[in-house]
N, C-alpha and C. Protein backbone atom coordinates (compact mmCIF):
# COMPACT_ATOMS: atom_id res chain seq x y z
N MET A 1 42.40 120.90 127.37
CA MET A 1 41.62 119.53 127.15
C MET A 1 40.75 119.44 128.44
N ASP A 2 39.40 119.55 128.21
CA ASP A 2 38.51 119.35 129.32
C ASP A 2 38.33 117.96 129.78
N ARG A 3 38.17 116.93 128.87
CA ARG A 3 38.16 115.70 129.22
C ARG A 3 38.92 114.86 128.34
N ILE A 4 39.44 113.70 128.96
CA ILE A 4 40.51 112.82 128.22
C ILE A 4 39.54 111.80 127.75
N LYS A 5 39.42 111.53 126.30
CA LYS A 5 38.75 110.31 125.75
C LYS A 5 39.51 109.18 125.90
N CYS A 6 39.02 108.13 126.47
CA CYS A 6 39.60 106.94 126.68
C CYS A 6 38.73 105.59 126.23
N ILE A 7 39.58 104.52 125.66
CA ILE A 7 38.93 103.20 125.53
C ILE A 7 39.55 102.25 126.42
N ILE A 8 38.86 101.15 126.48
CA ILE A 8 39.12 100.11 127.19
C ILE A 8 39.36 98.73 126.44
N VAL A 9 40.64 98.00 126.18
CA VAL A 9 40.79 96.84 125.47
C VAL A 9 41.25 95.86 126.45
N ASP A 10 40.44 94.94 126.74
CA ASP A 10 40.71 93.74 127.55
C ASP A 10 39.84 92.60 127.29
N ASP A 11 40.54 91.31 127.28
CA ASP A 11 39.71 90.15 126.76
C ASP A 11 38.83 89.49 128.05
N GLU A 12 38.94 90.17 129.22
CA GLU A 12 38.20 89.74 130.34
C GLU A 12 37.13 90.85 130.55
N PRO A 13 35.72 90.10 130.52
CA PRO A 13 34.66 91.03 130.59
C PRO A 13 34.45 91.63 132.12
N LEU A 14 34.95 90.89 132.99
CA LEU A 14 34.96 91.44 134.43
C LEU A 14 36.00 92.69 134.57
N ALA A 15 37.14 92.41 133.96
CA ALA A 15 38.18 93.58 134.04
C ALA A 15 37.54 94.83 133.44
N ILE A 16 36.84 94.57 132.17
CA ILE A 16 36.06 95.77 131.51
C ILE A 16 35.20 96.37 132.39
N SER A 17 34.34 95.63 133.09
CA SER A 17 33.38 96.14 133.88
C SER A 17 33.88 97.05 135.01
N LEU A 18 34.95 96.37 135.69
CA LEU A 18 35.61 97.11 136.84
C LEU A 18 36.11 98.45 136.18
N LEU A 19 36.89 98.48 135.23
CA LEU A 19 37.65 99.79 134.50
C LEU A 19 36.52 100.72 134.13
N GLU A 20 35.40 100.18 133.58
CA GLU A 20 34.26 101.15 133.28
C GLU A 20 33.77 101.80 134.49
N HIS A 21 33.56 101.08 135.62
CA HIS A 21 32.95 101.61 136.92
C HIS A 21 33.99 102.77 137.36
N TYR A 22 35.22 102.48 137.22
CA TYR A 22 36.35 103.23 137.69
C TYR A 22 36.24 104.73 137.01
N VAL A 23 36.25 104.46 135.77
CA VAL A 23 36.25 105.66 134.69
C VAL A 23 34.98 106.58 135.00
N GLU A 24 33.94 106.09 135.29
CA GLU A 24 32.72 106.70 135.71
C GLU A 24 32.86 107.80 136.85
N LYS A 25 33.87 107.27 137.88
CA LYS A 25 34.14 108.10 138.97
C LYS A 25 35.15 109.22 138.80
N ILE A 26 35.71 109.28 137.54
CA ILE A 26 36.75 110.38 137.41
C ILE A 26 36.17 111.37 136.50
N PRO A 27 36.00 112.58 136.98
CA PRO A 27 35.35 113.45 136.07
C PRO A 27 35.98 114.00 134.82
N PHE A 28 37.44 113.95 134.73
CA PHE A 28 38.14 114.37 133.52
C PHE A 28 38.15 113.22 132.66
N LEU A 29 37.68 112.09 132.82
CA LEU A 29 37.57 110.96 131.86
C LEU A 29 36.42 110.70 131.21
N GLU A 30 36.45 110.44 129.86
CA GLU A 30 35.30 110.18 129.06
C GLU A 30 35.44 108.79 128.39
N LEU A 31 34.68 107.86 128.88
CA LEU A 31 34.79 106.56 128.18
C LEU A 31 34.06 106.64 126.77
N VAL A 32 34.78 106.38 125.59
CA VAL A 32 34.19 106.48 124.31
C VAL A 32 33.85 105.15 123.68
N TYR A 33 34.68 103.94 124.22
CA TYR A 33 34.58 102.67 123.64
C TYR A 33 35.30 101.72 124.43
N SER A 34 34.66 100.63 124.56
CA SER A 34 35.28 99.40 125.18
C SER A 34 35.08 98.17 124.37
N THR A 35 36.05 97.10 124.59
CA THR A 35 35.84 95.87 123.74
C THR A 35 36.81 94.85 124.23
N GLU A 36 36.31 93.70 124.11
CA GLU A 36 37.11 92.53 124.50
C GLU A 36 38.14 92.05 123.40
N ASN A 37 37.80 92.64 122.22
CA ASN A 37 38.55 92.19 121.00
C ASN A 37 39.56 93.26 120.43
N PRO A 38 40.83 93.08 120.61
CA PRO A 38 41.76 94.17 120.16
C PRO A 38 41.70 94.34 118.53
N ILE A 39 41.33 93.61 117.87
CA ILE A 39 41.11 93.77 116.37
C ILE A 39 39.94 94.75 116.16
N GLN A 40 38.93 94.64 116.89
CA GLN A 40 37.78 95.58 116.80
C GLN A 40 38.16 97.01 117.31
N ALA A 41 39.09 97.01 118.35
CA ALA A 41 39.61 98.22 118.74
C ALA A 41 40.43 99.03 117.62
N LEU A 42 41.28 98.35 117.08
CA LEU A 42 42.05 98.92 115.82
C LEU A 42 41.13 99.43 114.89
N GLU A 43 40.03 98.78 114.54
CA GLU A 43 39.15 99.31 113.53
C GLU A 43 38.41 100.48 114.05
N TYR A 44 38.19 100.60 115.33
CA TYR A 44 37.47 101.80 115.98
C TYR A 44 38.41 102.91 115.76
N LEU A 45 39.85 102.66 116.10
CA LEU A 45 40.66 103.81 116.12
C LEU A 45 40.84 104.30 114.76
N GLN A 46 40.73 103.59 113.58
CA GLN A 46 40.95 104.01 112.23
C GLN A 46 39.86 105.14 111.76
N LYS A 47 38.77 105.28 112.60
CA LYS A 47 37.66 106.05 112.15
C LYS A 47 37.32 107.06 113.41
N ASN A 48 37.87 106.89 114.59
CA ASN A 48 37.46 107.69 115.70
C ASN A 48 38.68 108.15 116.66
N ASP A 49 38.48 109.18 117.15
CA ASP A 49 39.64 109.76 118.09
C ASP A 49 39.59 109.19 119.44
N SER A 50 40.75 109.03 120.02
CA SER A 50 40.95 108.48 121.39
C SER A 50 42.25 109.25 121.99
N ASP A 51 42.34 109.47 123.21
CA ASP A 51 43.48 110.09 123.86
C ASP A 51 44.28 109.01 124.64
N LEU A 52 43.44 108.20 125.30
CA LEU A 52 44.10 107.28 126.29
C LEU A 52 43.59 105.95 126.15
N ILE A 53 44.35 104.86 126.14
CA ILE A 53 43.85 103.51 126.05
C ILE A 53 44.36 102.73 127.30
N PHE A 54 43.38 102.12 128.06
CA PHE A 54 43.56 101.09 128.95
C PHE A 54 43.66 99.74 128.34
N LEU A 55 44.79 99.17 128.24
CA LEU A 55 45.25 98.09 127.39
C LEU A 55 45.75 96.88 128.18
N ASP A 56 45.17 95.77 128.27
CA ASP A 56 45.56 94.65 128.58
C ASP A 56 46.79 94.20 127.82
N ILE A 57 47.68 93.66 128.40
CA ILE A 57 48.99 93.08 127.60
C ILE A 57 48.74 91.88 127.05
N GLN A 58 48.24 90.88 127.80
CA GLN A 58 48.11 89.48 127.31
C GLN A 58 46.74 89.13 126.86
N MET A 59 46.64 89.11 125.42
CA MET A 59 45.13 88.80 124.89
C MET A 59 45.58 87.81 123.83
N PRO A 60 44.60 86.81 123.63
CA PRO A 60 44.78 85.78 122.48
C PRO A 60 44.90 86.19 121.04
N GLU A 61 44.04 87.18 120.69
CA GLU A 61 44.00 87.55 119.27
C GLU A 61 45.27 88.58 118.90
N LEU A 62 45.68 89.39 119.96
CA LEU A 62 46.75 90.33 119.53
C LEU A 62 47.11 90.82 120.88
N THR A 63 48.52 90.52 121.24
CA THR A 63 49.07 91.01 122.56
C THR A 63 48.95 92.55 122.52
N GLY A 64 49.06 93.12 123.87
CA GLY A 64 48.96 94.60 123.87
C GLY A 64 50.30 95.18 123.43
N ILE A 65 51.38 94.46 123.57
CA ILE A 65 52.67 95.04 123.14
C ILE A 65 52.54 95.15 121.54
N ASN A 66 52.07 94.22 120.87
CA ASN A 66 51.87 94.30 119.29
C ASN A 66 50.75 95.45 118.92
N PHE A 67 49.78 95.39 119.75
CA PHE A 67 48.85 96.43 119.59
C PHE A 67 49.37 97.81 119.52
N MET A 68 50.27 98.24 120.65
CA MET A 68 50.97 99.41 120.55
C MET A 68 51.92 99.75 119.40
N LYS A 69 52.48 98.71 118.91
CA LYS A 69 53.38 98.92 117.68
C LYS A 69 52.55 99.12 116.52
N ILE A 70 51.25 98.66 116.36
CA ILE A 70 50.54 98.99 115.23
C ILE A 70 49.94 100.45 115.35
N VAL A 71 49.41 100.69 116.59
CA VAL A 71 48.79 101.94 116.65
C VAL A 71 49.72 103.11 116.79
N GLY A 72 50.87 103.05 117.40
CA GLY A 72 51.95 104.06 117.44
C GLY A 72 51.75 104.82 118.57
N ALA A 73 52.57 105.83 118.49
CA ALA A 73 52.88 106.74 119.63
C ALA A 73 51.89 107.89 119.67
N ASP A 74 50.98 108.08 118.88
CA ASP A 74 50.02 109.16 118.94
C ASP A 74 49.00 108.80 120.23
N GLN A 75 48.88 107.74 120.63
CA GLN A 75 48.07 107.23 121.67
C GLN A 75 48.92 107.27 122.97
N LYS A 76 48.27 107.54 124.24
CA LYS A 76 48.85 107.30 125.35
C LYS A 76 48.25 105.92 125.99
N TYR A 77 48.99 105.12 126.73
CA TYR A 77 48.57 104.01 127.18
C TYR A 77 48.75 103.84 128.74
N ILE A 78 47.81 103.16 129.33
CA ILE A 78 47.88 102.67 130.65
C ILE A 78 47.81 101.22 130.56
N LEU A 79 48.85 100.35 130.78
CA LEU A 79 48.84 98.99 130.53
C LEU A 79 48.10 98.32 131.86
N THR A 80 47.45 97.20 131.47
CA THR A 80 46.94 96.28 132.62
C THR A 80 47.02 94.97 132.37
N THR A 81 47.52 94.20 133.43
CA THR A 81 47.71 92.63 133.29
C THR A 81 47.95 92.08 134.76
N ALA A 82 47.56 90.80 134.64
CA ALA A 82 47.87 90.03 135.95
C ALA A 82 49.19 89.41 135.98
N TYR A 83 50.15 89.58 135.11
CA TYR A 83 51.34 88.94 135.19
C TYR A 83 52.43 90.19 135.20
N SER A 84 52.99 90.14 136.36
CA SER A 84 53.89 91.23 136.68
C SER A 84 55.09 91.19 135.67
N GLU A 85 55.43 89.96 135.14
CA GLU A 85 56.78 89.88 134.31
C GLU A 85 56.59 90.67 133.11
N TYR A 86 55.49 91.02 132.68
CA TYR A 86 55.25 91.83 131.41
C TYR A 86 55.62 93.37 131.63
N ALA A 87 55.81 93.66 132.90
CA ALA A 87 55.97 95.20 133.17
C ALA A 87 57.04 95.85 132.46
N LEU A 88 58.22 95.12 132.47
CA LEU A 88 59.53 95.72 131.92
C LEU A 88 59.24 95.91 130.51
N GLU A 89 58.79 94.89 129.73
CA GLU A 89 58.54 94.85 128.41
C GLU A 89 57.69 96.08 128.08
N GLY A 90 56.63 96.19 128.76
CA GLY A 90 55.61 97.38 128.52
C GLY A 90 56.23 98.64 128.55
N TYR A 91 57.20 98.91 129.52
CA TYR A 91 57.97 100.12 129.65
C TYR A 91 58.77 100.50 128.53
N GLU A 92 59.16 99.64 127.58
CA GLU A 92 59.91 99.97 126.50
C GLU A 92 59.11 100.87 125.39
N HIS A 93 57.78 100.98 125.69
CA HIS A 93 56.97 101.68 124.75
C HIS A 93 56.45 102.93 125.55
N ASN A 94 55.78 103.87 124.83
CA ASN A 94 55.39 105.15 125.29
C ASN A 94 54.12 104.95 126.08
N ILE A 95 54.34 104.70 127.45
CA ILE A 95 53.05 104.62 128.25
C ILE A 95 53.08 105.60 129.41
N VAL A 96 51.82 105.71 129.90
CA VAL A 96 51.68 106.53 131.10
C VAL A 96 51.99 105.76 132.34
N ASP A 97 51.44 104.48 132.46
CA ASP A 97 51.68 103.69 133.63
C ASP A 97 51.24 102.38 133.32
N TYR A 98 51.59 101.51 134.45
CA TYR A 98 51.43 100.18 134.33
C TYR A 98 50.56 99.72 135.65
N LEU A 99 49.41 99.05 135.48
CA LEU A 99 48.61 98.45 136.47
C LEU A 99 48.50 97.03 136.59
N LEU A 100 48.80 96.36 137.79
CA LEU A 100 48.73 94.97 137.91
C LEU A 100 47.52 94.47 138.49
N LYS A 101 46.80 93.70 137.98
CA LYS A 101 45.51 93.22 138.45
C LYS A 101 45.76 92.33 139.55
N PRO A 102 44.74 92.47 140.55
CA PRO A 102 43.49 93.13 140.57
C PRO A 102 44.03 94.58 140.86
N ILE A 103 43.12 95.54 140.23
CA ILE A 103 43.42 97.00 140.36
C ILE A 103 42.51 97.68 141.23
N SER A 104 43.15 98.38 142.29
CA SER A 104 42.28 98.95 143.22
C SER A 104 41.93 100.25 142.77
N PHE A 105 40.76 100.97 143.29
CA PHE A 105 40.71 102.24 142.76
C PHE A 105 41.74 103.41 143.06
N GLU A 106 42.09 103.16 144.30
CA GLU A 106 43.19 104.09 144.61
C GLU A 106 44.42 104.04 143.67
N ARG A 107 44.81 102.91 143.18
CA ARG A 107 46.01 102.76 142.34
C ARG A 107 45.46 103.28 140.97
N PHE A 108 44.32 102.99 140.63
CA PHE A 108 43.68 103.43 139.36
C PHE A 108 43.74 105.01 139.23
N GLN A 109 43.34 105.59 140.39
CA GLN A 109 43.32 107.14 140.47
C GLN A 109 44.61 107.74 140.22
N LYS A 110 45.63 107.15 141.00
CA LYS A 110 46.88 107.76 140.82
C LYS A 110 47.49 107.63 139.37
N SER A 111 47.09 106.50 138.80
CA SER A 111 47.50 106.36 137.24
C SER A 111 46.81 107.38 136.33
N VAL A 112 45.59 107.51 136.61
CA VAL A 112 44.89 108.45 135.72
C VAL A 112 45.43 110.08 135.99
N LEU A 113 45.57 110.36 137.18
CA LEU A 113 46.16 111.51 137.53
C LEU A 113 47.47 111.82 136.79
N LYS A 114 48.36 110.89 136.69
CA LYS A 114 49.56 110.92 135.81
C LYS A 114 49.26 111.21 134.22
N ALA A 115 48.10 110.56 133.85
CA ALA A 115 47.63 110.79 132.40
C ALA A 115 47.26 112.37 132.38
N GLN A 116 46.41 112.74 133.20
CA GLN A 116 45.89 114.08 133.36
C GLN A 116 47.14 115.20 133.19
N GLU A 117 48.13 114.75 134.02
CA GLU A 117 49.36 115.65 133.82
C GLU A 117 50.05 115.72 132.37
N ARG A 118 49.91 114.60 131.77
CA ARG A 118 50.51 114.56 130.45
C ARG A 118 49.54 115.23 129.49
N PHE A 119 48.18 115.32 129.66
CA PHE A 119 47.53 115.69 128.59
C PHE A 119 47.05 117.39 128.87
N SER A 120 47.32 117.92 130.13
CA SER A 120 47.09 119.15 130.34
C SER A 120 47.79 120.19 129.64
N PHE A 121 47.16 121.33 129.54
CA PHE A 121 47.82 122.53 128.79
C PHE A 121 48.45 123.33 129.77
N PRO A 122 49.72 123.31 129.99
CA PRO A 122 50.33 124.25 131.00
C PRO A 122 50.20 125.66 130.64
N GLN A 123 49.94 126.57 131.73
CA GLN A 123 49.84 127.88 131.54
C GLN A 123 50.97 128.83 132.40
N GLY A 124 51.12 129.83 131.81
CA GLY A 124 52.09 130.80 132.68
C GLY A 124 53.52 130.57 132.61
N GLU A 125 54.32 131.43 133.18
CA GLU A 125 55.66 131.23 133.32
C GLU A 125 56.28 130.12 134.10
N ASN A 126 57.53 129.69 133.76
CA ASN A 126 58.23 128.64 134.42
C ASN A 126 57.55 127.48 134.87
N THR A 127 56.57 127.11 133.95
CA THR A 127 55.81 125.86 134.13
C THR A 127 56.80 124.61 133.54
N HIS A 128 56.46 123.44 133.65
CA HIS A 128 57.41 122.35 133.42
C HIS A 128 56.50 121.09 133.00
N PHE A 129 57.09 120.32 132.47
CA PHE A 129 56.46 118.76 132.26
C PHE A 129 57.63 117.73 132.55
N PHE A 130 57.05 116.64 132.62
CA PHE A 130 58.04 115.52 132.67
C PHE A 130 58.10 114.50 131.40
N VAL A 131 59.23 114.18 130.93
CA VAL A 131 59.40 113.21 129.90
C VAL A 131 60.16 112.03 130.30
N LYS A 132 60.15 110.99 129.68
CA LYS A 132 61.01 109.87 129.84
C LYS A 132 62.07 109.71 128.65
N SER A 133 63.22 109.71 129.04
CA SER A 133 64.38 109.57 128.02
C SER A 133 65.53 108.99 128.74
N SER A 134 66.12 107.96 128.00
CA SER A 134 67.27 107.22 128.48
C SER A 134 67.00 106.43 129.78
N GLY A 135 65.74 105.95 130.00
CA GLY A 135 65.24 105.15 131.02
C GLY A 135 64.95 105.88 132.36
N GLN A 136 65.04 107.35 132.16
CA GLN A 136 64.70 108.14 133.28
C GLN A 136 63.62 109.18 133.09
N ARG A 137 63.05 109.66 134.08
CA ARG A 137 61.95 110.63 134.02
C ARG A 137 62.75 111.95 134.23
N HIS A 138 62.50 113.04 133.46
CA HIS A 138 63.21 114.29 133.43
C HIS A 138 62.06 115.37 133.45
N ARG A 139 62.41 116.42 134.49
CA ARG A 139 61.48 117.61 134.61
C ARG A 139 62.28 118.56 133.59
N ILE A 140 61.58 119.19 132.79
CA ILE A 140 61.88 120.32 131.90
C ILE A 140 61.09 121.36 132.02
N GLY A 141 61.73 122.47 132.23
CA GLY A 141 61.02 123.81 132.33
C GLY A 141 60.81 124.44 131.04
N PHE A 142 59.58 124.84 130.71
CA PHE A 142 59.26 125.38 129.27
C PHE A 142 60.29 126.52 128.96
N HIS A 143 60.71 127.19 129.93
CA HIS A 143 61.61 128.37 129.71
C HIS A 143 63.02 127.83 129.21
N GLU A 144 63.26 126.58 129.42
CA GLU A 144 64.61 125.96 129.09
C GLU A 144 64.50 125.60 127.58
N ILE A 145 63.43 125.28 127.13
CA ILE A 145 63.37 124.66 125.70
C ILE A 145 63.71 125.66 124.51
N LEU A 146 64.51 125.38 123.64
CA LEU A 146 64.90 126.08 122.49
C LEU A 146 64.01 125.64 121.34
N TYR A 147 63.95 124.45 121.04
CA TYR A 147 63.05 123.86 120.04
C TYR A 147 62.89 122.32 120.21
N VAL A 148 61.72 121.89 119.53
CA VAL A 148 61.37 120.32 119.54
C VAL A 148 61.43 119.86 118.20
N GLU A 149 62.21 118.85 117.81
CA GLU A 149 62.36 118.28 116.52
C GLU A 149 61.75 116.89 116.35
N SER A 150 61.07 116.54 115.32
CA SER A 150 60.52 115.23 114.91
C SER A 150 61.57 114.37 114.28
N ILE A 151 61.89 113.25 115.02
CA ILE A 151 62.86 112.21 114.32
C ILE A 151 62.11 110.93 114.18
N LYS A 152 61.53 110.75 113.07
CA LYS A 152 60.78 109.49 112.86
C LYS A 152 59.87 109.13 114.06
N ASP A 153 60.05 108.10 114.76
CA ASP A 153 59.08 107.81 115.88
C ASP A 153 59.45 108.61 117.16
N TYR A 154 60.29 109.51 117.19
CA TYR A 154 60.83 110.12 118.40
C TYR A 154 60.64 111.65 117.96
N VAL A 155 60.91 112.29 119.30
CA VAL A 155 61.13 113.73 119.15
C VAL A 155 62.34 114.12 119.94
N ASN A 156 63.08 115.09 119.49
CA ASN A 156 64.31 115.56 120.18
C ASN A 156 64.00 117.00 120.78
N ILE A 157 64.01 116.96 122.05
CA ILE A 157 63.67 118.22 122.87
C ILE A 157 65.05 118.86 123.21
N ARG A 158 65.40 120.01 122.59
CA ARG A 158 66.56 120.75 122.89
C ARG A 158 66.49 121.80 123.83
N THR A 159 67.25 121.79 124.70
CA THR A 159 67.05 123.00 125.78
C THR A 159 68.42 123.65 125.68
N GLU A 160 68.68 124.63 126.47
CA GLU A 160 69.79 125.54 126.57
C GLU A 160 71.05 124.66 126.87
N ASN A 161 70.83 123.57 127.59
CA ASN A 161 72.03 122.95 128.20
C ASN A 161 72.00 121.38 127.78
N ASP A 162 70.92 120.97 127.28
CA ASP A 162 70.88 119.37 126.98
C ASP A 162 70.00 119.01 125.86
N GLU A 163 69.69 117.82 125.69
CA GLU A 163 68.75 117.40 124.67
C GLU A 163 68.19 116.10 125.33
N TYR A 164 67.00 115.82 124.81
CA TYR A 164 66.27 114.49 125.28
C TYR A 164 65.57 113.93 124.12
N ILE A 165 65.88 112.76 123.90
CA ILE A 165 65.23 111.97 122.84
C ILE A 165 63.95 111.15 123.45
N VAL A 166 62.93 111.40 123.00
CA VAL A 166 61.56 110.99 123.59
C VAL A 166 60.83 110.24 122.65
N LEU A 167 60.31 109.01 122.99
CA LEU A 167 59.45 108.17 122.08
C LEU A 167 58.14 108.96 122.24
N ASP A 168 57.80 109.86 121.20
CA ASP A 168 56.44 110.63 121.13
C ASP A 168 56.39 111.25 119.78
N THR A 169 55.41 111.94 119.46
CA THR A 169 55.00 112.70 118.10
C THR A 169 55.10 114.03 118.43
N LEU A 170 55.26 114.92 117.54
CA LEU A 170 55.28 116.36 117.37
C LEU A 170 53.99 116.74 117.79
N LYS A 171 52.96 116.06 117.22
CA LYS A 171 51.54 116.52 117.46
C LYS A 171 51.23 116.36 118.97
N SER A 172 51.59 115.35 119.51
CA SER A 172 51.54 115.11 121.03
C SER A 172 52.28 116.26 121.85
N MET A 173 53.42 116.67 121.42
CA MET A 173 54.18 117.69 122.15
C MET A 173 53.44 118.96 122.02
N GLU A 174 52.81 119.16 120.85
CA GLU A 174 52.06 120.50 120.64
C GLU A 174 51.13 120.58 121.83
N SER A 175 50.46 119.46 122.22
CA SER A 175 49.34 119.52 123.11
C SER A 175 49.83 119.64 124.56
N GLN A 176 51.06 119.48 124.85
CA GLN A 176 51.71 119.57 125.99
C GLN A 176 52.47 120.90 126.34
N LEU A 177 52.82 121.53 125.36
CA LEU A 177 53.50 122.84 125.50
C LEU A 177 52.58 123.94 125.70
N SER A 178 53.14 125.16 126.17
CA SER A 178 52.38 126.31 126.42
C SER A 178 52.19 127.17 125.04
N GLU A 179 51.46 128.05 125.24
CA GLU A 179 51.17 129.13 124.10
C GLU A 179 52.50 129.80 123.69
N LYS A 180 53.51 129.75 124.31
CA LYS A 180 54.80 130.40 123.94
C LYS A 180 55.54 129.52 122.86
N PHE A 181 54.97 128.47 122.40
CA PHE A 181 55.50 127.70 121.36
C PHE A 181 54.74 127.70 120.07
N VAL A 182 55.37 127.57 118.90
CA VAL A 182 54.57 127.50 117.62
C VAL A 182 55.30 126.62 116.76
N ARG A 183 54.63 125.95 115.99
CA ARG A 183 54.92 124.92 114.85
C ARG A 183 55.52 125.77 113.60
N ILE A 184 56.64 125.61 113.13
CA ILE A 184 57.15 126.47 112.16
C ILE A 184 57.53 125.71 110.90
N HIS A 185 57.29 124.33 111.11
CA HIS A 185 57.79 123.47 109.96
C HIS A 185 57.19 122.01 110.38
N LYS A 186 56.99 121.19 109.47
CA LYS A 186 56.38 119.77 109.74
C LYS A 186 57.22 119.07 110.78
N SER A 187 58.56 119.43 110.86
CA SER A 187 59.20 118.82 111.77
C SER A 187 59.98 119.59 112.95
N PHE A 188 59.43 120.82 113.09
CA PHE A 188 60.02 121.74 114.28
C PHE A 188 58.99 122.48 114.92
N ILE A 189 59.01 122.51 116.12
CA ILE A 189 58.44 123.46 117.18
C ILE A 189 59.36 124.46 117.84
N VAL A 190 59.25 125.65 117.85
CA VAL A 190 60.09 126.53 118.42
C VAL A 190 59.42 127.37 119.72
N ASN A 191 60.22 127.60 120.66
CA ASN A 191 60.01 128.61 121.73
C ASN A 191 60.18 130.08 121.17
N ILE A 192 59.07 130.62 121.10
CA ILE A 192 58.89 132.14 120.51
C ILE A 192 59.92 132.97 121.25
N GLU A 193 60.03 132.93 122.67
CA GLU A 193 60.73 133.61 123.37
C GLU A 193 62.29 133.49 123.27
N LYS A 194 62.64 132.36 122.49
CA LYS A 194 64.14 132.08 122.16
C LYS A 194 64.36 132.69 120.83
N VAL A 195 63.46 133.16 119.97
CA VAL A 195 63.82 133.55 118.56
C VAL A 195 64.48 135.02 118.66
N LYS A 196 65.66 135.00 118.08
CA LYS A 196 66.50 136.13 117.88
C LYS A 196 66.20 137.01 116.63
N SER A 197 65.80 136.30 115.47
CA SER A 197 65.37 136.94 114.39
C SER A 197 64.83 135.90 113.37
N ILE A 198 64.19 136.54 112.34
CA ILE A 198 63.47 135.75 111.45
C ILE A 198 63.83 136.09 110.16
N GLY A 199 64.33 135.16 109.23
CA GLY A 199 64.87 135.21 107.84
C GLY A 199 63.75 134.94 106.81
N ALA A 200 64.02 134.99 105.67
CA ALA A 200 63.00 134.65 104.63
C ALA A 200 62.62 133.14 104.74
N LYS A 201 63.61 132.28 105.15
CA LYS A 201 63.32 130.83 105.13
C LYS A 201 63.82 130.16 106.50
N LYS A 202 64.10 130.97 107.50
CA LYS A 202 64.68 130.43 108.66
C LYS A 202 64.44 131.25 109.93
N VAL A 203 64.38 130.45 111.24
CA VAL A 203 64.35 131.38 112.21
C VAL A 203 65.58 131.02 112.98
N ILE A 204 66.12 132.13 113.51
CA ILE A 204 67.46 132.15 114.30
C ILE A 204 67.23 132.12 115.85
N LEU A 205 67.76 131.10 116.32
CA LEU A 205 67.74 130.76 117.90
C LEU A 205 69.30 130.83 118.31
N PRO A 206 69.45 130.84 119.70
CA PRO A 206 70.69 130.90 120.24
C PRO A 206 71.57 129.58 119.64
N GLU A 207 72.53 129.79 118.82
CA GLU A 207 73.33 128.67 118.22
C GLU A 207 72.63 127.74 117.28
N TYR A 208 71.36 127.95 116.85
CA TYR A 208 70.89 127.08 116.00
C TYR A 208 69.80 127.95 114.89
N GLU A 209 69.86 127.27 113.69
CA GLU A 209 69.02 127.94 112.62
C GLU A 209 68.00 126.88 112.44
N ILE A 210 66.65 127.30 112.40
CA ILE A 210 65.40 126.29 112.15
C ILE A 210 64.86 126.79 110.80
N PRO A 211 64.71 125.80 109.89
CA PRO A 211 63.86 126.00 108.72
C PRO A 211 62.42 126.40 108.88
N ILE A 212 61.87 127.36 108.12
CA ILE A 212 60.50 127.71 108.25
C ILE A 212 59.76 127.10 106.96
N GLY A 213 58.75 126.19 107.24
CA GLY A 213 57.94 125.61 106.25
C GLY A 213 56.86 126.71 105.69
N GLU A 214 56.63 126.73 104.39
CA GLU A 214 56.09 127.66 103.68
C GLU A 214 54.61 127.74 104.43
N SER A 215 53.91 126.60 104.51
CA SER A 215 52.72 126.65 105.09
C SER A 215 52.37 127.10 106.53
N TYR A 216 53.76 127.04 107.14
CA TYR A 216 53.64 127.54 108.63
C TYR A 216 53.89 129.01 108.77
N ARG A 217 54.50 129.68 107.89
CA ARG A 217 54.94 131.10 108.05
C ARG A 217 53.95 131.98 108.62
N ALA A 218 52.79 131.98 108.07
CA ALA A 218 51.60 132.86 108.38
C ALA A 218 51.25 132.66 109.94
N GLY A 219 51.21 131.47 110.31
CA GLY A 219 50.99 131.09 111.81
C GLY A 219 52.21 131.55 112.57
N LEU A 220 53.39 131.48 112.17
CA LEU A 220 54.45 132.17 113.05
C LEU A 220 54.33 133.61 113.11
N LEU A 221 54.10 134.25 112.01
CA LEU A 221 54.15 135.70 111.97
C LEU A 221 52.89 136.28 112.89
N ASP A 222 51.70 135.43 112.91
CA ASP A 222 50.52 135.85 113.67
C ASP A 222 50.90 135.80 115.06
N LYS A 223 51.63 134.63 115.55
CA LYS A 223 52.07 134.53 116.92
C LYS A 223 52.83 135.70 117.34
N LEU A 224 53.62 136.29 116.47
CA LEU A 224 54.65 137.42 116.86
C LEU A 224 53.99 138.68 116.91
N LYS A 225 52.75 138.81 116.58
CA LYS A 225 52.00 140.22 116.50
C LYS A 225 51.95 140.52 118.13
C-alpha cells in the first residue's frame, strides 16, 4: 500500500482544518474526504473506499462509538475528542490510536506511524506484526502462524503455541500478512510453509485440517508452483 486513504469526521470546522493541515504534511496519507456530518460520512463510505478514519467521538447527529458500530471493523480508526473520559470506551473497538484535543503535530505523527505499521505489507522472513487481544498488544511472528480463521466480527490467529482472538476481518488480515499466506476458504487463510499435504477438499497442517473452498483451490495451487 503506497498511500493510506483517509477521511476526517468531526463536527468542529477548526478541528477538521487542523487535521487536514496535518495530513498534508504526511507523505503516505491521502485525504479523500472530510465532513462535519457523520451521516454524510456514512453515505460516502457506501460508495467509496477508505482505509483510515479520523473520527470525533462526541458529535450531535451520531456519536463516534455508534458510527464505528455501523461501519464495522473493515475500517481502521484514529479517535479524536476533547474529553478524556471517552478514551476507555473507544478502546473497546478496533482502533489504531486515541488523540486528545488539542492535538499537536508531534502526537499526530506518532499516531499515523502506528497506522502505517498496520497497513504495511511485511516482506521477508521472520517479520511480525502486532495485534490487540484480551486487552493487550501481542507481537506475532509470521513464521509462528498456522492459520487465521474468521469468526463473525473477529478473527482467530492460531500459532504453533497459542491463539489470539482479534476484533478484525479476514480481508484486513490479508492486507497485513506476507506473501507466504493464502486464502483457501471464505473463512480461512493458511501459512503455506506450514502445509504438510493437500487433499481433495482439505489442507493438512500440524494438528489441524482446514477445508478448501472450491473457488479458492486454483489460487492455492498457483501459490504452490
